[in-house]
Amino acid sequence: MSNKVSFLECTNPDCRFRFPLDLSIYEGKFCPRCGANLGTITPQIDQWQPGWEPNFDVRLVGVLDNIRSAQNVGSIFRTSEAVNLHHLYLCGLTPTPASNIALIKSSLGSEERVAWSVHNNAVQAVNNLKSEGWQIIALECHPQAQNLFSSQRSNIIPEKVALVVGNEPAGIDPGVLELADQVLYIPMAGQKTSINVAVAYGVAVYGLISSWSTLRSE
């Protein structure tokens, strides 16, 4: 990969601010922190993207139940493309690529490569998926939820899975939870009772894929 992004360092010994800069766009002569001259120029290391062919046959879709943040939805689009997700169902007040510039900026083009559709009612959308044979997995802190990483979870690999994530702070619609075949939670330490929904979605997607791949290899 050829680029002109480099890491520059301020020559002021009391500052030494070091940061990346695209030299094809900016000259990079002066430190943005103290105004001193910039010295060291270290070219960015060429990045390598390894190929991946997951050894499972599960069709996976995502259901976004009233996600408020366009940036979070954009991030979920990027993760969905990374795992070759089949479809995203954007439900309720979830922003869509058709109507939100902030989403498009954070998704970095992945919204053009991940199939998506808009649904006014998450309960109806999930009910339709369930009637079509999709196993519904809800990601929620719930008294009956199972640990995402527990070895006690089912060792049966499903054919079709719909992963549901919900609103912050309301969580997943109770009507959707009633339809769920499994409710999973991500174990957390500390005082906060939840993590960012886009982060949680990524943890859950890769956690599920890892478990399916492990089962397939056994």
Protein backbone atom coordinates (compact mmCIF):
# COMPACT_ATOMS: atom_id res chain seq x y z
CA MET A 1 0.00 0.00 0.00
CA SER A 2 1.44 3.35 -1.03
CA ASN A 3 0.58 6.48 0.96
CA LYS A 4 2.00 9.74 2.24
CA VAL A 5 0.86 9.47 5.84
CA SER A 6 3.80 9.91 8.20
CA PHE A 7 4.38 10.35 11.92
CA LEU A 8 5.89 13.74 12.69
CA GLU A 9 7.48 14.94 15.92
CA CYS A 10 7.85 18.43 17.33
CA THR A 11 11.44 19.66 17.77
CA ASN A 12 10.59 21.60 20.92
CA PRO A 13 12.06 19.52 23.81
CA ASP A 14 9.29 20.73 26.13
CA CYS A 15 6.59 19.55 23.73
CA ARG A 16 7.71 16.58 21.58
CA PHE A 17 4.17 16.23 20.26
CA ARG A 18 4.10 13.26 17.87
CA PHE A 19 1.20 12.60 15.51
CA PRO A 20 0.28 11.20 12.07
CA LEU A 21 -0.29 13.55 9.12
CA ASP A 22 -1.13 13.06 5.46
CA LEU A 23 1.66 15.00 3.75
CA SER A 24 -0.18 14.92 0.44
CA ILE A 25 -2.77 17.24 2.01
CA TYR A 26 -0.84 19.20 4.66
CA GLU A 27 2.70 20.56 4.59
CA GLY A 28 3.44 19.60 8.17
CA LYS A 29 5.95 22.34 8.97
CA PHE A 30 4.80 23.53 12.38
CA CYS A 31 3.61 21.83 15.53
CA PRO A 32 -0.15 22.29 16.07
CA ARG A 33 0.41 22.32 19.86
CA CYS A 34 3.24 24.82 20.34
CA GLY A 35 4.05 26.19 16.88
CA ALA A 36 7.67 24.95 16.83
CA ASN A 37 9.20 23.30 13.79
CA LEU A 38 8.41 19.67 13.08
CA GLY A 39 11.31 17.28 12.75
CA THR A 40 11.17 13.49 12.65
CA ILE A 41 9.25 12.03 9.73
CA THR A 42 8.56 8.31 9.98
CA PRO A 43 6.49 6.82 7.13
CA GLN A 44 3.41 4.87 8.07
CA ILE A 45 3.91 1.11 8.03
CA ASP A 46 2.01 -0.50 5.17
CA GLN A 47 -1.03 -2.22 6.57
CA TRP A 48 -1.88 -5.81 5.75
CA GLN A 49 -5.38 -7.22 5.65
CA PRO A 50 -5.37 -11.00 6.08
CA GLY A 51 -7.92 -13.02 4.19
CA TRP A 52 -10.60 -14.85 6.17
CA GLU A 53 -12.84 -17.75 5.29
CA PRO A 54 -14.83 -18.64 8.43
CA ASN A 55 -15.53 -22.36 8.70
CA PHE A 56 -19.21 -22.18 9.51
CA ASP A 57 -22.35 -22.09 7.40
CA VAL A 58 -24.60 -19.93 9.58
CA ARG A 59 -26.54 -17.19 7.84
CA LEU A 60 -26.37 -14.17 10.12
CA VAL A 61 -28.47 -11.01 10.10
CA GLY A 62 -28.64 -8.09 12.52
CA VAL A 63 -31.70 -6.38 13.95
CA LEU A 64 -31.19 -2.85 15.29
CA ASP A 65 -34.07 -2.08 17.64
CA ASN A 66 -34.40 1.71 18.00
CA ILE A 67 -30.68 2.53 18.03
CA ARG A 68 -30.44 6.30 18.45
CA SER A 69 -26.88 7.18 17.45
CA ALA A 70 -26.06 7.48 13.76
CA GLN A 71 -22.37 7.00 14.57
CA ASN A 72 -23.14 3.72 16.33
CA VAL A 73 -25.24 2.50 13.42
CA GLY A 74 -22.44 3.40 11.01
CA SER A 75 -19.98 1.45 13.14
CA ILE A 76 -22.35 -1.52 13.15
CA PHE A 77 -22.45 -1.38 9.35
CA ARG A 78 -18.63 -1.58 9.26
CA THR A 79 -18.57 -4.58 11.61
CA SER A 80 -21.35 -6.24 9.61
CA GLU A 81 -19.36 -5.95 6.41
CA ALA A 82 -16.27 -7.35 8.13
CA VAL A 83 -18.10 -10.57 9.01
CA ASN A 84 -19.99 -10.78 5.72
CA LEU A 85 -23.36 -10.32 7.44
CA HIS A 86 -26.32 -11.01 5.16
CA HIS A 87 -28.67 -8.17 6.14
CA LEU A 88 -29.34 -5.40 8.65
CA TYR A 89 -32.91 -4.67 9.74
CA LEU A 90 -33.15 -1.02 10.82
CA CYS A 91 -36.16 -0.78 13.12
CA GLY A 92 -38.09 2.02 14.78
CA LEU A 93 -36.13 5.24 15.16
CA THR A 94 -32.82 3.70 13.99
CA PRO A 95 -31.14 6.09 11.51
CA THR A 96 -30.72 4.88 7.93
CA PRO A 97 -28.07 5.55 5.27
CA ALA A 98 -30.77 7.15 3.13
CA SER A 99 -31.37 9.94 5.61
CA ASN A 100 -28.28 10.49 7.75
CA ILE A 101 -24.93 11.95 6.69
CA ALA A 102 -23.31 11.17 10.06
CA LEU A 103 -24.06 7.48 9.56
CA ILE A 104 -22.50 7.50 6.10
CA LYS A 105 -19.36 9.19 7.42
CA SER A 106 -18.88 6.61 10.17
CA SER A 107 -19.73 3.59 7.99
CA LEU A 108 -17.03 4.53 5.42
CA GLY A 109 -18.88 3.06 2.46
CA SER A 110 -19.90 -0.21 4.10
CA GLU A 111 -23.55 0.86 3.88
CA GLU A 112 -23.23 0.27 0.13
CA ARG A 113 -22.01 -3.31 0.62
CA VAL A 114 -24.31 -4.52 3.39
CA ALA A 115 -27.95 -5.14 2.49
CA TRP A 116 -30.38 -3.27 4.73
CA SER A 117 -34.06 -2.50 5.05
CA VAL A 118 -36.23 -0.21 7.16
CA HIS A 119 -38.99 -1.46 9.50
CA ASN A 120 -41.30 0.67 11.64
CA ASN A 121 -41.88 -2.04 14.22
CA ALA A 122 -39.10 -4.27 15.59
CA VAL A 123 -41.56 -6.76 17.11
CA GLN A 124 -43.22 -7.31 13.74
CA ALA A 125 -39.86 -7.57 11.96
CA VAL A 126 -38.55 -10.15 14.45
CA ASN A 127 -41.81 -12.07 14.40
CA ASN A 128 -41.56 -12.31 10.61
CA LEU A 129 -37.97 -13.58 10.86
CA LYS A 130 -38.98 -16.15 13.46
CA SER A 131 -41.81 -17.40 11.24
CA GLU A 132 -39.25 -17.87 8.46
CA GLY A 133 -37.14 -20.15 10.63
CA TRP A 134 -34.58 -17.68 11.98
CA GLN A 135 -33.26 -18.31 15.49
CA ILE A 136 -33.56 -15.05 17.43
CA ILE A 137 -30.64 -14.17 19.71
CA ALA A 138 -31.11 -11.05 21.83
CA LEU A 139 -28.15 -9.30 23.42
CA GLU A 140 -29.45 -8.01 26.74
CA CYS A 141 -28.69 -7.94 30.47
CA HIS A 142 -31.60 -10.04 31.66
CA PRO A 143 -32.10 -12.33 34.70
CA GLN A 144 -32.46 -15.37 32.44
CA ALA A 145 -29.67 -14.39 30.03
CA GLN A 146 -26.70 -16.68 29.41
CA ASN A 147 -23.07 -15.63 29.29
CA LEU A 148 -22.05 -15.09 25.66
CA PHE A 149 -18.78 -16.90 26.36
CA SER A 150 -20.17 -19.74 28.49
CA SER A 151 -19.19 -23.29 27.58
CA GLN A 152 -22.61 -24.37 28.84
CA ARG A 153 -24.36 -22.88 25.83
CA SER A 154 -25.87 -25.15 23.20
CA ASN A 155 -23.39 -27.03 21.01
CA ILE A 156 -25.90 -27.14 18.15
CA ILE A 157 -24.93 -24.84 15.30
CA PRO A 158 -28.02 -23.06 13.92
CA GLU A 159 -28.54 -22.49 10.22
CA LYS A 160 -30.00 -18.98 10.43
CA VAL A 161 -29.48 -16.46 13.25
CA ALA A 162 -30.87 -12.98 13.81
CA LEU A 163 -28.86 -11.02 16.39
CA VAL A 164 -30.86 -8.24 18.07
CA VAL A 165 -29.35 -5.24 19.84
CA GLY A 166 -31.43 -2.53 21.46
CA ASN A 167 -31.81 1.06 22.48
CA GLU A 168 -29.60 2.88 24.95
CA PRO A 169 -30.78 3.15 27.71
CA ALA A 170 -34.17 1.40 27.22
CA GLY A 171 -32.73 -1.88 25.99
CA ILE A 172 -34.48 -4.31 23.68
CA ASP A 173 -38.25 -4.02 23.32
CA PRO A 174 -39.94 -6.48 25.76
CA GLY A 175 -42.04 -7.73 22.85
CA VAL A 176 -38.86 -8.72 21.03
CA LEU A 177 -37.44 -10.44 24.12
CA GLU A 178 -40.58 -12.58 24.31
CA LEU A 179 -39.79 -13.85 20.80
CA ALA A 180 -36.11 -14.55 21.50
CA ASP A 181 -34.86 -18.14 21.41
CA GLN A 182 -31.78 -17.12 23.39
CA VAL A 183 -30.88 -14.07 25.46
CA LEU A 184 -27.15 -13.51 25.90
CA TYR A 185 -25.17 -11.04 27.96
CA ILE A 186 -21.56 -9.82 27.83
CA PRO A 187 -19.89 -10.15 31.26
CA MET A 188 -18.67 -6.82 32.63
CA ALA A 189 -16.65 -5.65 35.60
CA GLY A 190 -16.68 -2.12 36.98
CA GLN A 191 -19.52 0.18 37.90
CA LYS A 192 -21.13 0.66 34.49
CA THR A 193 -23.93 -1.76 33.65
CA SER A 194 -23.55 -1.57 29.88
CA ILE A 195 -21.08 -0.85 27.11
CA ASN A 196 -21.52 1.09 23.88
CA VAL A 197 -24.02 -0.70 21.64
CA ALA A 198 -21.72 -0.74 18.60
CA VAL A 199 -18.92 -2.23 20.72
CA ALA A 200 -21.33 -4.77 22.22
CA TYR A 201 -22.55 -5.73 18.75
CA GLY A 202 -18.98 -6.35 17.59
CA VAL A 203 -18.13 -8.41 20.66
CA ALA A 204 -21.28 -10.49 20.23
CA VAL A 205 -20.86 -11.08 16.48
CA TYR A 206 -17.27 -12.25 16.80
CA GLY A 207 -18.07 -14.20 19.97
CA LEU A 208 -20.81 -16.13 18.18
CA ILE A 209 -18.67 -16.73 15.10
CA SER A 210 -15.79 -17.95 17.25
CA SER A 211 -18.02 -20.42 19.09
CA TRP A 212 -19.53 -21.75 15.86
CA SER A 213 -16.08 -22.12 14.28
CA THR A 214 -14.81 -23.98 17.34
CA LEU A 215 -17.77 -26.35 17.32
CA ARG A 216 -17.33 -26.97 13.61
CA SER A 217 -13.67 -27.95 14.09
CA GLU A 218 -14.34 -30.35 16.97
